[in-house]
Amino acid sequence: MTDTILNLWRQPLTAVPESLWDRTDLTVLILADTGLTELPPAIGRLRRLHTLDLGHNRLTAVPAELGDTGLTDFLYLHDNALTRLPAALGRLGALRYLNIGENPIAELPDELGGLTALVELRAQHNRLTALPETLGELRSLRELWLRGNALTELPAGFARLTELRELELRENALTAVPPELAGLPLLRRLDLRGNRITELPEWLAGLPALEKLDLRWNDVTPPPGLLAALTARGCVVLH
């Protein structure tokens, strides 16, 4: 099927043109870096969209009707002024990629667990101090980017993210390596730079797929035995 695309990238908009909401044939809508401060509920009329880019704007909220679009591929909400996400976002059960980074979001809704097809979630440089338990429902998740938040721990449900390959926890407030990671069979890259970690658990050597462990800018030195075990099977340890 041929995409129907409307690309308004960097076009100065004080508001979305009303005529746009009649374009119910659209599959790709790009409104990035246009200066938008508001997205009307009429977005819910565009039910054939698979990609929506609202990044680099000044949105302070997005309407619940965003959950009616049936987005399947990409939703970009990064670099706005969002303080929360609507619970209705959890209705996008076929969405594969979500970027909510660079927003002053302090918490994620429990309903985010409904995004069961999500492969990549980017929530870097938000204001998160905790993650919802329902994050563990994202069983398809392969990459999770959480740099620059204020996380002190991970929820127990995190242990259910058995498809996770890449985890960035750089520049948070962790004082220990989260034990919820111990059973993740496919985790390849673990970035723990710039936390408050002072000791390392022995179970790190048992992560079967780990290829890179980045511990820089923590007050920690890997025990020789742990370092030798990881290095012997090809894991690069940076500390």
C-alpha atoms as a PDB file:
ATOM      1  CA  MET A   1       0.000   0.000   0.000  1.00  0.00           C
ATOM      2  CA  THR A   2       1.352   3.432  -0.950  1.00  0.00           C
ATOM      3  CA  ASP A   3       1.767   5.917   1.892  1.00  0.00           C
ATOM      4  CA  THR A   4      -0.153   9.179   1.884  1.00  0.00           C
ATOM      5  CA  ILE A   5       2.223  11.691   3.443  1.00  0.00           C
ATOM      6  CA  LEU A   6       1.820  15.258   4.656  1.00  0.00           C
ATOM      7  CA  ASN A   7       5.134  16.791   5.657  1.00  0.00           C
ATOM      8  CA  LEU A   8       4.931  20.209   7.349  1.00  0.00           C
ATOM      9  CA  TRP A   9       8.335  19.987   9.034  1.00  0.00           C
ATOM     10  CA  ARG A  10       9.600  23.411  10.090  1.00  0.00           C
ATOM     11  CA  GLN A  11       6.602  25.181   8.593  1.00  0.00           C
ATOM     12  CA  PRO A  12       5.649  27.942  11.061  1.00  0.00           C
ATOM     13  CA  LEU A  13       2.184  27.122  12.375  1.00  0.00           C
ATOM     14  CA  THR A  14       0.243  28.955  15.055  1.00  0.00           C
ATOM     15  CA  ALA A  15      -2.330  26.170  14.823  1.00  0.00           C
ATOM     16  CA  VAL A  16      -2.991  23.095  12.731  1.00  0.00           C
ATOM     17  CA  PRO A  17      -5.056  24.070   9.650  1.00  0.00           C
ATOM     18  CA  GLU A  18      -8.650  22.887  10.076  1.00  0.00           C
ATOM     19  CA  SER A  19      -8.629  21.390   6.599  1.00  0.00           C
ATOM     20  CA  LEU A  20      -5.987  18.904   7.704  1.00  0.00           C
ATOM     21  CA  TRP A  21      -8.516  16.968   9.783  1.00  0.00           C
ATOM     22  CA  ASP A  22     -10.421  16.099   6.603  1.00  0.00           C
ATOM     23  CA  ARG A  23      -7.364  14.237   5.307  1.00  0.00           C
ATOM     24  CA  THR A  24      -8.510  10.914   6.710  1.00  0.00           C
ATOM     25  CA  ASP A  25      -6.441   9.137   4.065  1.00  0.00           C
ATOM     26  CA  LEU A  26      -3.157  10.215   5.663  1.00  0.00           C
ATOM     27  CA  THR A  27      -0.786   7.491   6.799  1.00  0.00           C
ATOM     28  CA  VAL A  28       2.187   9.741   7.687  1.00  0.00           C
ATOM     29  CA  LEU A  29       1.823  13.176   9.301  1.00  0.00           C
ATOM     30  CA  ILE A  30       4.896  15.246  10.148  1.00  0.00           C
ATOM     31  CA  LEU A  31       4.322  18.354  12.260  1.00  0.00           C
ATOM     32  CA  ALA A  32       7.778  18.512  13.817  1.00  0.00           C
ATOM     33  CA  ASP A  33       9.444  21.811  14.681  1.00  0.00           C
ATOM     34  CA  THR A  34       6.467  23.948  13.662  1.00  0.00           C
ATOM     35  CA  GLY A  35       5.963  25.882  16.912  1.00  0.00           C
ATOM     36  CA  LEU A  36       2.696  24.162  17.804  1.00  0.00           C
ATOM     37  CA  THR A  37       1.415  24.774  21.326  1.00  0.00           C
ATOM     38  CA  GLU A  38      -1.779  22.741  21.035  1.00  0.00           C
ATOM     39  CA  LEU A  39      -3.001  19.582  19.320  1.00  0.00           C
ATOM     40  CA  PRO A  40      -6.795  19.481  18.953  1.00  0.00           C
ATOM     41  CA  PRO A  41      -8.950  16.405  19.662  1.00  0.00           C
ATOM     42  CA  ALA A  42      -9.641  16.187  15.918  1.00  0.00           C
ATOM     43  CA  ILE A  43      -6.380  14.207  15.633  1.00  0.00           C
ATOM     44  CA  GLY A  44      -8.528  11.205  16.525  1.00  0.00           C
ATOM     45  CA  ARG A  45     -10.167  11.378  13.102  1.00  0.00           C
ATOM     46  CA  LEU A  46      -6.949  10.326  11.347  1.00  0.00           C
ATOM     47  CA  ARG A  47      -7.347   6.599  11.842  1.00  0.00           C
ATOM     48  CA  ARG A  48      -5.083   5.416   9.043  1.00  0.00           C
ATOM     49  CA  LEU A  49      -1.938   6.970  10.481  1.00  0.00           C
ATOM     50  CA  HIS A  50       0.994   4.709  11.124  1.00  0.00           C
ATOM     51  CA  THR A  51       3.514   7.534  11.780  1.00  0.00           C
ATOM     52  CA  LEU A  52       3.002  10.833  13.630  1.00  0.00           C
ATOM     53  CA  ASP A  53       5.856  13.232  14.354  1.00  0.00           C
ATOM     54  CA  LEU A  54       5.119  16.026  16.842  1.00  0.00           C
ATOM     55  CA  GLY A  55       8.693  16.464  18.055  1.00  0.00           C
ATOM     56  CA  HIS A  56      10.442  19.785  18.731  1.00  0.00           C
ATOM     57  CA  ASN A  57       7.314  21.812  19.457  1.00  0.00           C
ATOM     58  CA  ARG A  58       5.847  23.558  22.513  1.00  0.00           C
ATOM     59  CA  LEU A  59       2.975  21.227  23.325  1.00  0.00           C
ATOM     60  CA  THR A  60       1.996  21.206  27.001  1.00  0.00           C
ATOM     61  CA  ALA A  61      -0.499  18.355  26.551  1.00  0.00           C
ATOM     62  CA  VAL A  62      -1.780  15.920  23.944  1.00  0.00           C
ATOM     63  CA  PRO A  63      -5.461  14.944  23.763  1.00  0.00           C
ATOM     64  CA  ALA A  64      -6.871  11.560  24.748  1.00  0.00           C
ATOM     65  CA  GLU A  65      -8.088  11.213  21.163  1.00  0.00           C
ATOM     66  CA  LEU A  66      -4.511  10.437  20.169  1.00  0.00           C
ATOM     67  CA  GLY A  67      -5.369   6.947  21.343  1.00  0.00           C
ATOM     68  CA  ASP A  68      -8.028   6.693  18.631  1.00  0.00           C
ATOM     69  CA  THR A  69      -5.587   7.035  15.741  1.00  0.00           C
ATOM     70  CA  GLY A  70      -4.548   3.400  15.778  1.00  0.00           C
ATOM     71  CA  LEU A  71      -0.890   4.344  15.195  1.00  0.00           C
ATOM     72  CA  THR A  72       1.160   1.272  14.367  1.00  0.00           C
ATOM     73  CA  ASP A  73       4.741   2.393  13.694  1.00  0.00           C
ATOM     74  CA  PHE A  74       6.147   5.635  15.117  1.00  0.00           C
ATOM     75  CA  LEU A  75       4.971   8.303  17.564  1.00  0.00           C
ATOM     76  CA  TYR A  76       7.385  11.156  18.246  1.00  0.00           C
ATOM     77  CA  LEU A  77       6.518  13.472  21.148  1.00  0.00           C
ATOM     78  CA  HIS A  78      10.054  14.412  22.161  1.00  0.00           C
ATOM     79  CA  ASP A  79      11.288  17.901  22.981  1.00  0.00           C
ATOM     80  CA  ASN A  80       7.983  19.487  23.964  1.00  0.00           C
ATOM     81  CA  ALA A  81       6.653  20.815  27.282  1.00  0.00           C
ATOM     82  CA  LEU A  82       4.547  17.806  28.250  1.00  0.00           C
ATOM     83  CA  THR A  83       4.069  17.202  31.973  1.00  0.00           C
ATOM     84  CA  ARG A  84       1.931  14.066  31.573  1.00  0.00           C
ATOM     85  CA  LEU A  85       0.695  11.568  29.032  1.00  0.00           C
ATOM     86  CA  PRO A  86      -2.980  10.695  28.602  1.00  0.00           C
ATOM     87  CA  ALA A  87      -4.037   7.250  29.805  1.00  0.00           C
ATOM     88  CA  ALA A  88      -5.662   6.752  26.397  1.00  0.00           C
ATOM     89  CA  LEU A  89      -2.202   6.409  24.887  1.00  0.00           C
ATOM     90  CA  GLY A  90      -2.313   2.853  26.194  1.00  0.00           C
ATOM     91  CA  ARG A  91      -4.907   2.027  23.528  1.00  0.00           C
ATOM     92  CA  LEU A  92      -2.205   2.104  20.853  1.00  0.00           C
ATOM     93  CA  GLY A  93      -1.582  -1.596  21.207  1.00  0.00           C
ATOM     94  CA  ALA A  94       0.063  -1.937  17.780  1.00  0.00           C
ATOM     95  CA  LEU A  95       2.548   0.945  18.201  1.00  0.00           C
ATOM     96  CA  ARG A  96       6.170  -0.124  17.760  1.00  0.00           C
ATOM     97  CA  TYR A  97       8.188   3.013  18.629  1.00  0.00           C
ATOM     98  CA  LEU A  98       7.523   5.809  21.133  1.00  0.00           C
ATOM     99  CA  ASN A  99       9.772   8.770  21.911  1.00  0.00           C
ATOM    100  CA  ILE A 100       8.693  10.973  24.835  1.00  0.00           C
ATOM    101  CA  GLY A 101      12.173  12.253  25.718  1.00  0.00           C
ATOM    102  CA  GLU A 102      13.079  15.821  26.643  1.00  0.00           C
ATOM    103  CA  ASN A 103       9.774  16.605  28.371  1.00  0.00           C
ATOM    104  CA  PRO A 104       9.172  17.522  32.052  1.00  0.00           C
ATOM    105  CA  ILE A 105       7.143  14.338  32.590  1.00  0.00           C
ATOM    106  CA  ALA A 106       7.296  13.224  36.227  1.00  0.00           C
ATOM    107  CA  GLU A 107       5.407   9.936  35.935  1.00  0.00           C
ATOM    108  CA  LEU A 108       4.137   7.524  33.322  1.00  0.00           C
ATOM    109  CA  PRO A 109       0.533   6.282  33.351  1.00  0.00           C
ATOM    110  CA  ASP A 110      -0.127   2.659  34.294  1.00  0.00           C
ATOM    111  CA  GLU A 111      -1.975   2.325  30.999  1.00  0.00           C
ATOM    112  CA  LEU A 112       1.349   2.490  29.171  1.00  0.00           C
ATOM    113  CA  GLY A 113       1.451  -1.259  29.746  1.00  0.00           C
ATOM    114  CA  GLY A 114      -1.103  -1.561  26.959  1.00  0.00           C
ATOM    115  CA  LEU A 115       1.581  -0.829  24.345  1.00  0.00           C
ATOM    116  CA  THR A 116       2.323  -4.519  24.009  1.00  0.00           C
ATOM    117  CA  ALA A 117       3.820  -4.282  20.491  1.00  0.00           C
ATOM    118  CA  LEU A 118       6.349  -1.608  21.513  1.00  0.00           C
ATOM    119  CA  VAL A 119       9.888  -2.468  20.424  1.00  0.00           C
ATOM    120  CA  GLU A 120      11.623   0.768  21.440  1.00  0.00           C
ATOM    121  CA  LEU A 121      10.753   3.287  24.163  1.00  0.00           C
ATOM    122  CA  ARG A 122      12.732   6.493  24.580  1.00  0.00           C
ATOM    123  CA  ALA A 123      12.087   8.406  27.803  1.00  0.00           C
ATOM    124  CA  GLN A 124      15.396  10.190  28.203  1.00  0.00           C
ATOM    125  CA  HIS A 125      15.740  13.492  30.052  1.00  0.00           C
ATOM    126  CA  ASN A 126      12.321  13.443  31.665  1.00  0.00           C
ATOM    127  CA  ARG A 127      11.746  13.877  35.409  1.00  0.00           C
ATOM    128  CA  LEU A 128      10.894  10.298  36.285  1.00  0.00           C
ATOM    129  CA  THR A 129      11.556   9.119  39.822  1.00  0.00           C
ATOM    130  CA  ALA A 130       9.831   5.757  39.332  1.00  0.00           C
ATOM    131  CA  LEU A 131       8.410   3.556  36.589  1.00  0.00           C
ATOM    132  CA  PRO A 132       4.991   1.887  36.619  1.00  0.00           C
ATOM    133  CA  GLU A 133       4.762  -1.810  37.467  1.00  0.00           C
ATOM    134  CA  THR A 134       2.855  -2.288  34.216  1.00  0.00           C
ATOM    135  CA  LEU A 135       6.039  -1.614  32.245  1.00  0.00           C
ATOM    136  CA  GLY A 136       6.576  -5.344  32.566  1.00  0.00           C
ATOM    137  CA  GLU A 137       3.698  -5.906  30.132  1.00  0.00           C
ATOM    138  CA  LEU A 138       5.819  -4.571  27.253  1.00  0.00           C
ATOM    139  CA  ARG A 139       6.925  -8.077  26.341  1.00  0.00           C
ATOM    140  CA  SER A 140       8.130  -7.069  22.845  1.00  0.00           C
ATOM    141  CA  LEU A 141      10.407  -4.288  24.122  1.00  0.00           C
ATOM    142  CA  ARG A 142      13.982  -4.518  22.837  1.00  0.00           C
ATOM    143  CA  GLU A 143      15.386  -1.067  23.625  1.00  0.00           C
ATOM    144  CA  LEU A 144      14.688   1.196  26.604  1.00  0.00           C
ATOM    145  CA  TRP A 145      16.384   4.582  26.915  1.00  0.00           C
ATOM    146  CA  LEU A 146      16.067   6.287  30.313  1.00  0.00           C
ATOM    147  CA  ARG A 147      19.053   8.611  30.496  1.00  0.00           C
ATOM    148  CA  GLY A 148      18.857  11.707  32.660  1.00  0.00           C
ATOM    149  CA  ASN A 149      15.982  10.910  34.997  1.00  0.00           C
ATOM    150  CA  ALA A 150      15.996  10.452  38.776  1.00  0.00           C
ATOM    151  CA  LEU A 151      15.313   6.728  39.098  1.00  0.00           C
ATOM    152  CA  THR A 152      16.446   5.038  42.299  1.00  0.00           C
ATOM    153  CA  GLU A 153      15.106   1.560  41.469  1.00  0.00           C
ATOM    154  CA  LEU A 154      13.162  -0.425  38.887  1.00  0.00           C
ATOM    155  CA  PRO A 155       9.753  -2.056  39.407  1.00  0.00           C
ATOM    156  CA  ALA A 156       9.542  -5.813  39.992  1.00  0.00           C
ATOM    157  CA  GLY A 157       7.697  -6.220  36.694  1.00  0.00           C
ATOM    158  CA  PHE A 158      10.853  -5.176  34.874  1.00  0.00           C
ATOM    159  CA  ALA A 159      12.030  -8.768  35.200  1.00  0.00           C
ATOM    160  CA  ARG A 160       9.389  -9.759  32.624  1.00  0.00           C
ATOM    161  CA  LEU A 161      11.056  -7.767  29.822  1.00  0.00           C
ATOM    162  CA  THR A 162      12.694 -10.881  28.439  1.00  0.00           C
ATOM    163  CA  GLU A 163      13.123  -9.453  24.903  1.00  0.00           C
ATOM    164  CA  LEU A 164      15.156  -6.473  26.153  1.00  0.00           C
ATOM    165  CA  ARG A 165      18.507  -6.064  24.382  1.00  0.00           C
ATOM    166  CA  GLU A 166      19.585  -2.518  25.180  1.00  0.00           C
ATOM    167  CA  LEU A 167      19.046  -0.643  28.446  1.00  0.00           C
ATOM    168  CA  GLU A 168      20.296   2.875  29.092  1.00  0.00           C
ATOM    169  CA  LEU A 169      20.096   3.971  32.729  1.00  0.00           C
ATOM    170  CA  ARG A 170      22.793   6.612  32.450  1.00  0.00           C
ATOM    171  CA  GLU A 171      22.636   9.647  34.765  1.00  0.00           C
ATOM    172  CA  ASN A 172      19.989   8.473  37.210  1.00  0.00           C
ATOM    173  CA  ALA A 173      20.158   8.039  40.994  1.00  0.00           C
ATOM    174  CA  LEU A 174      20.718   4.288  41.300  1.00  0.00           C
ATOM    175  CA  THR A 175      22.777   3.180  44.292  1.00  0.00           C
ATOM    176  CA  ALA A 176      22.841  -0.471  43.177  1.00  0.00           C
ATOM    177  CA  VAL A 177      22.539  -2.484  39.989  1.00  0.00           C
ATOM    178  CA  PRO A 178      18.791  -3.261  39.868  1.00  0.00           C
ATOM    179  CA  PRO A 179      18.236  -6.939  40.758  1.00  0.00           C
ATOM    180  CA  GLU A 180      15.332  -7.070  38.308  1.00  0.00           C
ATOM    181  CA  LEU A 181      17.919  -7.346  35.522  1.00  0.00           C
ATOM    182  CA  ALA A 182      19.337 -10.633  36.781  1.00  0.00           C
ATOM    183  CA  GLY A 183      17.139 -12.871  34.658  1.00  0.00           C
ATOM    184  CA  LEU A 184      17.086 -10.985  31.362  1.00  0.00           C
ATOM    185  CA  PRO A 185      18.340 -13.563  28.852  1.00  0.00           C
ATOM    186  CA  LEU A 186      18.901 -11.283  25.831  1.00  0.00           C
ATOM    187  CA  LEU A 187      20.311  -8.135  27.464  1.00  0.00           C
ATOM    188  CA  ARG A 188      23.378  -7.145  25.444  1.00  0.00           C
ATOM    189  CA  ARG A 189      24.209  -3.600  26.460  1.00  0.00           C
ATOM    190  CA  LEU A 190      23.764  -2.114  29.913  1.00  0.00           C
ATOM    191  CA  ASP A 191      24.665   1.548  30.427  1.00  0.00           C
ATOM    192  CA  LEU A 192      24.917   2.564  34.086  1.00  0.00           C
ATOM    193  CA  ARG A 193      27.154   5.597  33.686  1.00  0.00           C
ATOM    194  CA  GLY A 194      26.859   8.473  36.111  1.00  0.00           C
ATOM    195  CA  ASN A 195      24.882   6.824  38.906  1.00  0.00           C
ATOM    196  CA  ARG A 196      25.763   6.259  42.584  1.00  0.00           C
ATOM    197  CA  ILE A 197      26.690   2.593  42.407  1.00  0.00           C
ATOM    198  CA  THR A 198      29.398   1.474  44.838  1.00  0.00           C
ATOM    199  CA  GLU A 199      29.352  -2.327  44.464  1.00  0.00           C
ATOM    200  CA  LEU A 200      28.489  -4.915  41.849  1.00  0.00           C
ATOM    201  CA  PRO A 201      26.501  -8.156  42.207  1.00  0.00           C
ATOM    202  CA  GLU A 202      28.069 -11.447  41.155  1.00  0.00           C
ATOM    203  CA  TRP A 203      25.017 -12.300  39.031  1.00  0.00           C
ATOM    204  CA  LEU A 204      26.220  -9.849  36.377  1.00  0.00           C
ATOM    205  CA  ALA A 205      28.573 -12.591  35.200  1.00  0.00           C
ATOM    206  CA  GLY A 206      25.557 -14.807  34.600  1.00  0.00           C
ATOM    207  CA  LEU A 207      23.795 -12.545  32.091  1.00  0.00           C
ATOM    208  CA  PRO A 208      24.198 -14.829  29.072  1.00  0.00           C
ATOM    209  CA  ALA A 209      24.031 -12.247  26.267  1.00  0.00           C
ATOM    210  CA  LEU A 210      25.847  -9.292  27.878  1.00  0.00           C
ATOM    211  CA  GLU A 211      28.339  -7.719  25.443  1.00  0.00           C
ATOM    212  CA  LYS A 212      28.945  -4.298  27.025  1.00  0.00           C
ATOM    213  CA  LEU A 213      28.711  -3.068  30.602  1.00  0.00           C
ATOM    214  CA  ASP A 214      29.415   0.628  31.081  1.00  0.00           C
ATOM    215  CA  LEU A 215      30.110   1.647  34.685  1.00  0.00           C
ATOM    216  CA  ARG A 216      31.971   4.908  34.158  1.00  0.00           C
ATOM    217  CA  TRP A 217      31.410   7.785  36.573  1.00  0.00           C
ATOM    218  CA  ASN A 218      30.338   5.523  39.427  1.00  0.00           C
ATOM    219  CA  ASP A 219      32.430   5.070  42.552  1.00  0.00           C
ATOM    220  CA  VAL A 220      32.928   1.374  41.862  1.00  0.00           C
ATOM    221  CA  THR A 221      35.695  -0.990  40.821  1.00  0.00           C
ATOM    222  CA  PRO A 222      34.669  -4.410  39.494  1.00  0.00           C
ATOM    223  CA  PRO A 223      36.011  -7.273  41.643  1.00  0.00           C
ATOM    224  CA  PRO A 224      38.794  -9.110  39.768  1.00  0.00           C
ATOM    225  CA  GLY A 225      36.823 -12.349  39.601  1.00  0.00           C
ATOM    226  CA  LEU A 226      33.742 -10.687  38.140  1.00  0.00           C
ATOM    227  CA  LEU A 227      35.800  -8.689  35.674  1.00  0.00           C
ATOM    228  CA  ALA A 228      37.679 -11.810  34.566  1.00  0.00           C
ATOM    229  CA  ALA A 229      34.459 -13.790  34.119  1.00  0.00           C
ATOM    230  CA  LEU A 230      32.856 -11.100  31.976  1.00  0.00           C
ATOM    231  CA  THR A 231      35.988 -10.442  29.934  1.00  0.00           C
ATOM    232  CA  ALA A 232      36.561 -14.132  29.308  1.00  0.00           C
ATOM    233  CA  ARG A 233      33.324 -14.440  27.410  1.00  0.00           C
ATOM    234  CA  GLY A 234      33.806 -11.296  25.388  1.00  0.00           C
ATOM    235  CA  CYS A 235      31.930  -8.689  27.430  1.00  0.00           C
ATOM    236  CA  VAL A 236      33.517  -5.241  27.320  1.00  0.00           C
ATOM    237  CA  VAL A 237      33.507  -3.598  30.750  1.00  0.00           C
ATOM    238  CA  LEU A 238      34.134   0.147  30.945  1.00  0.00           C
ATOM    239  CA  HIS A 239      34.847   1.569  34.399  1.00  0.00           C
END
